């Protein structure tokens, strides 16, 4: 059994130099959070390229390896969930898997599995940082309309396009709704392959789509 677990975990690559790589990636992720909508490429090994793990992408796997630890609780959507992912996440980070989205520090999902009714934690007025951060694999990442971001870390405005699917539109609509509950809300990190873009709850998202 131990041999099987080791072989399975090895198929999910960790950081080559954990101390230096995690510091480098942390700076990149922090930079992405401080400049919402900026596209950042993470140089990290990709997860296994077989369903369902191929939908995850290298960038989000790099975020998991960097930000998750023994104190972290992770919720995984059904379309990404698998025993190998759970085993690799625990093996490489020590993070705990939770089946309760309201109890999760991070939620791992795709644009197809995003449901606005999922009861993720929004934090509180006193502790807004206790809200869930969504790590979402999206269709694409480009600095283009229809969504316009503004707020802290953005000099004027920044355009962001994550895709046309109903799930992508629902994600951006949920980000736009953050302003009604601020400082409570959801932070989101979008991944597409090796690229990511972060949109914290302090960012205002407006659509320029013509209905």
Protein backbone atom coordinates (compact mmCIF):
# COMPACT_ATOMS: atom_id res chain seq x y z
CA UNK A 1 0.00 0.00 0.00
CA UNK A 2 2.84 2.38 0.89
CA UNK A 3 4.57 1.63 -2.40
CA UNK A 4 1.38 2.38 -4.35
CA UNK A 5 0.93 5.71 -2.56
CA UNK A 6 4.51 6.72 -3.31
CA UNK A 7 4.18 5.86 -6.99
CA UNK A 8 0.88 7.70 -7.28
CA UNK A 9 2.20 10.82 -5.56
CA UNK A 10 5.32 10.83 -7.71
CA UNK A 11 3.12 11.18 -10.81
CA UNK A 12 2.12 14.59 -9.43
CA UNK A 13 5.34 16.64 -9.45
CA UNK A 14 6.39 18.74 -6.51
CA UNK A 15 8.72 21.73 -6.58
CA UNK A 16 12.26 20.87 -7.68
CA UNK A 17 13.77 23.17 -5.03
CA UNK A 18 10.97 23.65 -2.47
CA UNK A 19 12.66 26.42 -0.46
CA UNK A 20 13.67 28.65 -3.37
CA UNK A 21 10.84 27.76 -5.75
CA UNK A 22 8.14 28.41 -3.14
CA UNK A 23 9.63 31.83 -2.38
CA UNK A 24 9.77 32.70 -6.08
CA UNK A 25 6.22 31.52 -6.72
CA UNK A 26 4.91 33.25 -3.60
CA UNK A 27 6.32 36.56 -4.85
CA UNK A 28 4.66 36.01 -8.23
CA UNK A 29 1.29 35.13 -6.69
CA UNK A 30 1.48 38.06 -4.28
CA UNK A 31 2.31 40.33 -7.21
CA UNK A 32 -0.71 39.01 -9.12
CA UNK A 33 -2.97 39.67 -6.12
CA UNK A 34 -1.61 43.21 -5.69
CA UNK A 35 -2.12 44.01 -9.40
CA UNK A 36 -5.52 42.45 -10.14
CA UNK A 37 -6.04 41.09 -13.63
CA UNK A 38 -2.34 41.09 -14.51
CA UNK A 39 -1.38 37.93 -16.39
CA UNK A 40 1.46 35.97 -14.78
CA UNK A 41 3.20 32.82 -16.00
CA UNK A 42 4.35 30.33 -13.37
CA UNK A 43 7.30 28.13 -14.26
CA UNK A 44 6.18 24.95 -12.51
CA UNK A 45 5.72 21.29 -13.50
CA UNK A 46 2.26 20.52 -14.83
CA UNK A 47 0.01 17.94 -13.16
CA UNK A 48 -0.56 14.65 -15.02
CA UNK A 49 -2.06 15.27 -18.45
CA UNK A 50 -4.93 12.83 -18.12
CA UNK A 51 -8.55 13.50 -17.18
CA UNK A 52 -9.53 14.98 -14.82
CA UNK A 53 -6.15 16.36 -13.71
CA UNK A 54 -5.34 17.79 -17.16
CA UNK A 55 -8.01 20.46 -16.62
CA UNK A 56 -6.17 21.79 -13.57
CA UNK A 57 -3.16 23.31 -15.33
CA UNK A 58 0.35 24.07 -14.14
CA UNK A 59 -0.41 27.52 -12.71
CA UNK A 60 -3.10 26.38 -10.28
CA UNK A 61 -1.02 23.36 -9.26
CA UNK A 62 1.81 25.80 -8.54
CA UNK A 63 -0.52 27.93 -6.41
CA UNK A 64 -1.54 24.84 -4.43
CA UNK A 65 2.07 23.79 -3.86
CA UNK A 66 2.96 27.31 -2.73
CA UNK A 67 0.01 28.39 -0.58
CA UNK A 68 -1.26 25.14 0.94
CA UNK A 69 0.22 23.71 4.13
CA UNK A 70 -0.67 21.72 7.24
CA UNK A 71 -3.09 24.42 8.41
CA UNK A 72 -4.93 24.64 5.08
CA UNK A 73 -8.33 23.16 4.27
CA UNK A 74 -9.09 22.51 0.60
CA UNK A 75 -12.43 21.75 -1.04
CA UNK A 76 -12.33 20.08 -4.48
CA UNK A 77 -15.19 20.22 -6.99
CA UNK A 78 -16.46 16.91 -8.35
CA UNK A 79 -15.14 17.47 -11.89
CA UNK A 80 -11.54 17.75 -10.62
CA UNK A 81 -11.74 15.40 -7.66
CA UNK A 82 -9.89 12.11 -7.79
CA UNK A 83 -8.04 9.87 -5.32
CA UNK A 84 -4.65 10.66 -6.96
CA UNK A 85 -5.22 14.43 -6.60
CA UNK A 86 -6.27 14.08 -2.96
CA UNK A 87 -3.26 11.89 -2.25
CA UNK A 88 -0.84 14.22 -4.06
CA UNK A 89 -2.21 17.32 -2.36
CA UNK A 90 -1.81 15.74 1.06
CA UNK A 91 1.59 14.24 0.21
CA UNK A 92 3.15 17.44 -1.18
CA UNK A 93 1.53 20.04 1.10
CA UNK A 94 0.02 18.32 4.14
CA UNK A 95 -3.24 20.18 3.51
CA UNK A 96 -6.50 18.74 4.77
CA UNK A 97 -9.33 17.91 2.37
CA UNK A 98 -12.78 19.10 3.40
CA UNK A 99 -16.13 18.17 1.91
CA UNK A 100 -17.70 21.34 3.32
CA UNK A 101 -17.11 24.39 1.06
CA UNK A 102 -17.99 26.74 3.92
CA UNK A 103 -15.05 25.29 5.87
CA UNK A 104 -12.48 25.68 3.07
CA UNK A 105 -9.58 28.10 2.89
CA UNK A 106 -9.19 27.25 -0.80
CA UNK A 107 -11.66 25.78 -3.26
CA UNK A 108 -10.38 24.04 -6.37
CA UNK A 109 -12.79 24.00 -9.31
CA UNK A 110 -13.34 24.71 -13.00
CA UNK A 111 -15.56 27.27 -14.69
CA UNK A 112 -17.89 24.40 -15.59
CA UNK A 113 -18.38 23.33 -11.98
CA UNK A 114 -18.82 26.81 -10.50
CA UNK A 115 -22.22 27.18 -8.87
CA UNK A 116 -23.11 30.61 -7.44
CA UNK A 117 -25.19 28.85 -4.79
CA UNK A 118 -22.25 26.92 -3.31
CA UNK A 119 -21.94 28.22 0.27
CA UNK A 120 -18.28 29.26 0.32
CA UNK A 121 -17.09 31.21 3.36
CA UNK A 122 -17.24 35.00 2.86
CA UNK A 123 -15.31 35.92 6.01
CA UNK A 124 -16.68 38.55 8.36
CA UNK A 125 -16.44 42.31 8.74
CA UNK A 126 -13.86 41.71 11.49
CA UNK A 127 -12.00 38.87 9.75
CA UNK A 128 -12.57 39.24 6.00
CA UNK A 129 -9.45 37.18 5.28
CA UNK A 130 -11.30 34.08 6.50
CA UNK A 131 -13.26 33.92 3.26
CA UNK A 132 -12.62 31.11 0.78
CA UNK A 133 -10.19 31.78 -2.08
CA UNK A 134 -11.41 30.14 -5.30
CA UNK A 135 -8.77 28.57 -7.55
CA UNK A 136 -10.55 28.23 -10.87
CA UNK A 137 -9.45 26.69 -14.17
CA UNK A 138 -10.99 28.86 -16.90
CA UNK A 139 -11.32 28.78 -20.68
CA UNK A 140 -8.76 31.47 -21.40
CA UNK A 141 -6.96 34.43 -19.90
CA UNK A 142 -6.53 37.67 -21.81
CA UNK A 143 -6.42 41.37 -21.04
CA UNK A 144 -9.46 42.08 -23.15
CA UNK A 145 -13.10 43.01 -22.64
CA UNK A 146 -15.92 42.32 -21.78
CA UNK A 147 -14.89 42.71 -18.12
CA UNK A 148 -13.30 45.88 -16.79
CA UNK A 149 -11.50 45.84 -13.46
CA UNK A 150 -10.78 48.85 -11.28
CA UNK A 151 -9.76 49.53 -7.70
CA UNK A 152 -6.66 49.05 -5.55
CA UNK A 153 -3.59 47.99 -7.54
CA UNK A 154 -5.01 49.22 -10.87
CA UNK A 155 -3.93 52.66 -12.03
CA UNK A 156 -6.99 53.32 -14.18
CA UNK A 157 -8.74 50.22 -15.51
CA UNK A 158 -7.68 46.75 -16.67
CA UNK A 159 -9.65 44.47 -19.00
CA UNK A 160 -9.99 40.75 -18.30
CA UNK A 161 -11.49 37.95 -20.36
CA UNK A 162 -11.73 34.46 -18.86
CA UNK A 163 -14.11 32.93 -21.43
CA UNK A 164 -17.63 32.89 -22.81
CA UNK A 165 -19.14 29.88 -21.05
CA UNK A 166 -22.05 30.29 -18.64
CA UNK A 167 -19.70 29.33 -15.80
CA UNK A 168 -17.17 32.02 -16.75
CA UNK A 169 -19.91 34.65 -16.86
CA UNK A 170 -21.25 33.43 -13.50
CA UNK A 171 -17.77 33.71 -11.96
CA UNK A 172 -17.38 37.31 -13.07
CA UNK A 173 -20.93 38.14 -11.97
CA UNK A 174 -20.02 36.74 -8.54
CA UNK A 175 -16.92 38.91 -8.44
CA UNK A 176 -19.04 41.95 -9.33
CA UNK A 177 -21.33 41.09 -6.39
CA UNK A 178 -18.41 41.37 -3.95
CA UNK A 179 -18.83 45.12 -3.73
CA UNK A 180 -22.23 44.69 -2.05
CA UNK A 181 -20.72 42.67 0.82
CA UNK A 182 -17.23 44.23 1.06
CA UNK A 183 -15.04 43.69 3.07
CA UNK A 184 -16.59 40.21 3.07
CA UNK A 185 -16.44 38.31 -0.21
CA UNK A 186 -14.54 35.84 -2.37
CA UNK A 187 -11.03 36.20 -3.73
CA UNK A 188 -10.40 34.37 -7.01
CA UNK A 189 -7.28 33.13 -8.76
CA UNK A 190 -7.92 32.06 -12.35
CA UNK A 191 -5.63 29.59 -14.09
CA UNK A 192 -5.29 28.61 -17.73
CA UNK A 193 -2.35 26.33 -18.42
CA UNK A 194 0.75 27.95 -16.93
CA UNK A 195 -0.83 31.42 -16.70
CA UNK A 196 -2.85 32.93 -13.89
CA UNK A 197 -4.64 36.15 -13.00
CA UNK A 198 -5.88 37.07 -9.54
CA UNK A 199 -8.90 39.18 -8.63
CA UNK A 200 -9.26 39.92 -4.89
CA UNK A 201 -12.54 40.96 -3.30
CA UNK A 202 -11.42 44.60 -3.21
CA UNK A 203 -11.52 44.79 -7.03
CA UNK A 204 -14.54 46.21 -8.81
CA UNK A 205 -15.64 44.20 -11.84
CA UNK A 206 -17.96 45.69 -14.45
CA UNK A 207 -19.22 44.18 -17.67
CA UNK A 208 -19.20 46.00 -21.00
CA UNK A 209 -21.22 43.31 -22.70
CA UNK A 210 -24.16 44.57 -24.70
CA UNK A 211 -27.22 42.53 -23.84
